[in-house]
Each structure stands twice: as structure tokens, then as C-alpha cells.
């Protein structure tokens, strides 16, 4: 969490791992105890879990959906609706895993993101009792060994897959099961026998220190381990083993136990589940409205609001359903709430987010934000394909052989989405003058040598092989625009053996390359175009706004009732970063005839190094550092003037 520019609770995400261990411990204890008594029932088990989880969850979803309808823009509401549907059937971990991280919002703008862990827990509830039941029935004396083996297999899988596909490891059960099962293994530890034993002067203080050690490991993880580590992996053992130590060795009358037995801590424990449910949407909706970093009083207000709603939820909803017999009226209430959420999600999806809610300047401004610039251009007459064989009407991400070609192709765009964002606006202008366009653009595929790839787009190696081949066959001289997201040059990797499969599996591993190799490769390809007599326009780094400009714009239009006023990014970081990257590129790309360097820093920033993000035409950015239609027009004005 970033608070007033300072990172606090760097490893706050480890709270989920503590939660998994505790959940595994409690569930395994319940199952084993009932099986030993011969009273275990699958139906009873799942009903008890549903009573514990579903009522408070539905209450949160109903309230969150109402607020989402009131404050979210149509495209954000559609995304919310899809996450809502997945949450209702406890599959939100798959929904968030399946999102394209390149185009999706950051976690700060996902009200239901936290429900992924609830989905993992519920999926565990479905599978684990079956494993326990059959193992206990046919291999009872090996139950511990079998569960330990499953723990080690899952842990090894997590440590391996987090390097290959970190999103899959983070969100899906196979890489998380070991934490829950390890909590279950703690139930095999005989605490009653431990309490009966008499310890030596050496053993007693040692055992008494273990719960404190456990809490220390948890605290250290949450306070000091940042999100730059591979997780879940072996490092996740720190908070997980810390939790196990506390469960196993904490006894009444000791400092750690007495601390957690204080009334305030007991209250937090009682409302912990509602608090988990409410904190994410409350913080997210605040960001949607305010669009600025939290201040001290903001954070205090949000914590108090989360706590208040948690107490209300526990007292009037959760506790009412934890009784043995739940009335038909209460069951009907759950069914009605579930049906209402499903209906709302479906309606929001098919109406594209209820756009009729917008009016006036908000409605007219939103029309240019419906689609990202780099995915606007289409050719339905000549359907293309992707490198994975899927049909593609949109022009971005097609194979080079099936690329969009309009007219005689006087102009060509080459690069990633930062080149693709120019396509639609450029084609509009070329259509008026009778000129044509060819688009060789693809997300995260800059125009570098074929042995380099970015992110999880391993198949970009084929893209660049085909680009170079197609360019070599051009007849006549072209005007070629080349652009890229230059920050990614510092995260480039060497090509993999099976690029197509690696891309479909979202594999990110690969030998990291020195940035200088990537810069030189980029410059060499541009120089090759110039050597062949083409006129080349290189769009240099765009100043990154540092905020979500679209959300900032509409927050001010809707909540602060501002008109369209020129606004600048705070400080001069945007200019300085763009300038630094521009100077880096200039080291490798020297001036020569036919080369036109387009510097967005000079287009968007003034003499005081303040960079425009909104002007009288609207926001100049749409999704992270990508330009909006208005921003694209400013860059195209400079290109055409050359």
C-alpha cells in the first residue's frame, strides 16, 4: 500500500497466506474430528461452509453493485459485472488470472479483486474433504504422509510455476493448496499431550519463545518483504511456517496468546471476515472518486468506514446465519440476493455498462474513450489471423501476412501498441488525401531483432521475422512510422525455443538481455529502413502521466463539476523520464537524411517541464501511457508537418 508517497505494509499480501493456513487448520480439524466420530456428512459440511461465507458475501456484493452502478463509467461497469458473475460461482480467481494485464486496470481499480482468495478457499473445500474421506477410509494410517506429500508437490509446483507463469501461480489452487494443507497437517500435532509434559529450564523458555517467533516471522513478512519477490514460492514459507508455529505452540497465559486474547483483538477476529470483504471495494471506490493519493485523514476515514460496515455485517447478517437452523425466509433472502446480482451483472454486460446513465459533457467526452486507440482499426472485409491461428477483424495483433492493408499502402506503421495507437487517426487523415496504410503493429512487440521478446509475448520473434521479410519486398519508397513503449527495453529477454506455445501459456521466463543490446537492435532495424530509401518517422518516448487520466477526467466532470480545463501532471517526473529515454535512444540512433525524430516531450510539455494531460479537447491519455484520440492528433500534427 502506498500512503502519502511512502510504502507501508509492503508484504500486506501475505495476510492471504496466513488466512489460508488458518483456514486449512480449522477445516481439517473439523473434518477429522467428525470422521473419527463417524458423524461426517458432505452435505452438512458444505451447508455449514455456505452459511459461514455466502450471506456476508452477498450483502457486500449487493451494496457494491449499487455503488458501482452509481459511480463507474460504462466500460468499468462491464468489467465489474464480469468479475461479479465469476465471484458468484466462486471462480473469480480464474477471471482475474484470465485478464490481459497489458490492457486491464491495476489492482487499485478492481472492487472485487480480493475475492480471488475466497474462490481458492471454496475450490479447496470442494476437493479436500473428498481426499480426506477416501484416504481416511482406505489408507488411514498413511493420512499424514499422503497429505505431506501433497503439500510438498504443491510447494514445488508453486516455486517452479511462479517463474514460468507468475499469474497462474498466484491465482490458482494447485500452487496455493500447500498452504491450506500445511495448516491441516498442524492438526496432527497433539497439543494436549504437549501441555501435560514437564519441561527443563532450557526447554520451557525455548518452547515459550516459539509462538513469539511465529508472530515475528508473520510481522517481518508483512512489513518488510515487498511485492518484487517471487510469490508464492519458497519465500512464502516464512509467514506460513510462522503461522504454523503460533498455532502449534501458543498456550494460555503466555504473552503472545494474552495479546491476541485482548478484547479489541477478539473483536477484530470476530469481524475479520466482513473486514476482508469490505476493505477492497471501499478503498477502490474512494480512488475512483478522488483520483489522488490517500492522505492521513482519508486513510483513517476509510478504516473507520470498513470497520463500521464489518461490525454491522457481523451483527445483523453473519451471526444470524450461523445458527443451527436457518428459516425459509432467510434462505429465500439469499436466493433473492444472488438472483439480483446475477441479473444486474447480465444486464450491465449486454447493455455495455448502461451508457444511458451519462449525459451532457460527460456523455460526449466518454464517446472517444470507448475503445483504446490501438484497437480501433478494423477490416471486416479481409479477416486476418493471429499467430495462434485465431481469426482477427481488428488490425492489431494480426500476422504480417494477414495485416490490414488499405489502398496503396503509402504509409506503414511498425511497432507495439504505441505505434498501433496512431493507426486509426492516421487512416482518417490518409483517407481524405487518397493515400493508403499498412499496419504491422502488435501489443508488446517493438521493432527489434527476432531473438528478443518482451513480457509474455514470446511469439513476437515471428512477428519481427515476418516484418523484416515483408519490408524487404516493398516496391517503391514508403513513409514508415516506428514507435514503442521504451520502458520495456529494460525488461527484454532472449527468445525461447517454442515461442507460440510459450506465448499461449503466458510464459515470461527467459534470459534477460542488457538494455544496450535492445536499443542497438531497434536502431539497426530503423537504419535498415533508411538504407532502403524509406522515409522514417520515429516517435520518441511519450511522457508517462503517472495517473489514470481517463478516470481523473471523469472524476472531475462528474463529482467536482469541472469543465474541460488544461491540466498538467504533478511535478516534472513525466518530462524527466521521457527526456532520459529520449537521450538514451539518441545515443544509438544518429541523425541522417530521411530520418524524422518526433519528440512527444516537446509536444506535451512546456518550458517549465510541466506536461499536459488534459486540455480543452479532453484527456490526452487513455489507459496508462497510451494516448487518447486527442493526444494522437497532436502527435500526428507533428508527423504530417515534417
Foldseek 3Di string as FASTA:
>chain_A
DAFPNDDFLQQQVLVLLLVLLQLLQVLLLVLVVCVVVVNDDLVVSVLLVCLQAQFLLLVLLLVLLVVCLVFPALQLNLLQLVLLVCLLVLNNLVVVLPDDPQFDDDLLQHLCNLSLSVSLSVVCSVPVSVVCVVCCVPVVVCSLVVLVVLLVQLQVCLAVVLQFRVSCLVRHNSNSVNSSSVSSSLSVQPLVVVVPDDDDPVVVVVLLCQLVCLVVLLVCSRGPPHPVDRPPHPNSCSNSVSSSSNVNRDDPPHPVVVVCPPPVNVLCVLLVSQLSNPLRNLSSVVCLQPVDHDHPVNVVVSSVVSSVRSVVCSPPISVQSNDPDDDPVNVVVSVVSSVVSNVSSVVSNVVSRPLVVDDDPLSVQCVLQPDQLLFPAFAPPQWFAAPLGHTHGTQARGALVSHDKFAPAQEEEAAESLRSSLPPVVVVVCVVVVDMHTYLYYHQQAQFALFKGFQQQLVSSNSNVVVVVVLVPDDDAHEYEGEYQLVRLQVMFTHDPDRNVSSVVRTGDHHGDHSVNRLLRNQVVVVVSVVVPYQYEYEAHAQWLPGQQVSVQVSCVPPVVDAFAWDWRPDQNSLVVSVVRRVVSCVNHPDDPRYHYQRNQVQAADPVNTGTQTHNSGGQAHGTRHGTSVVSVSSVVVVVVD
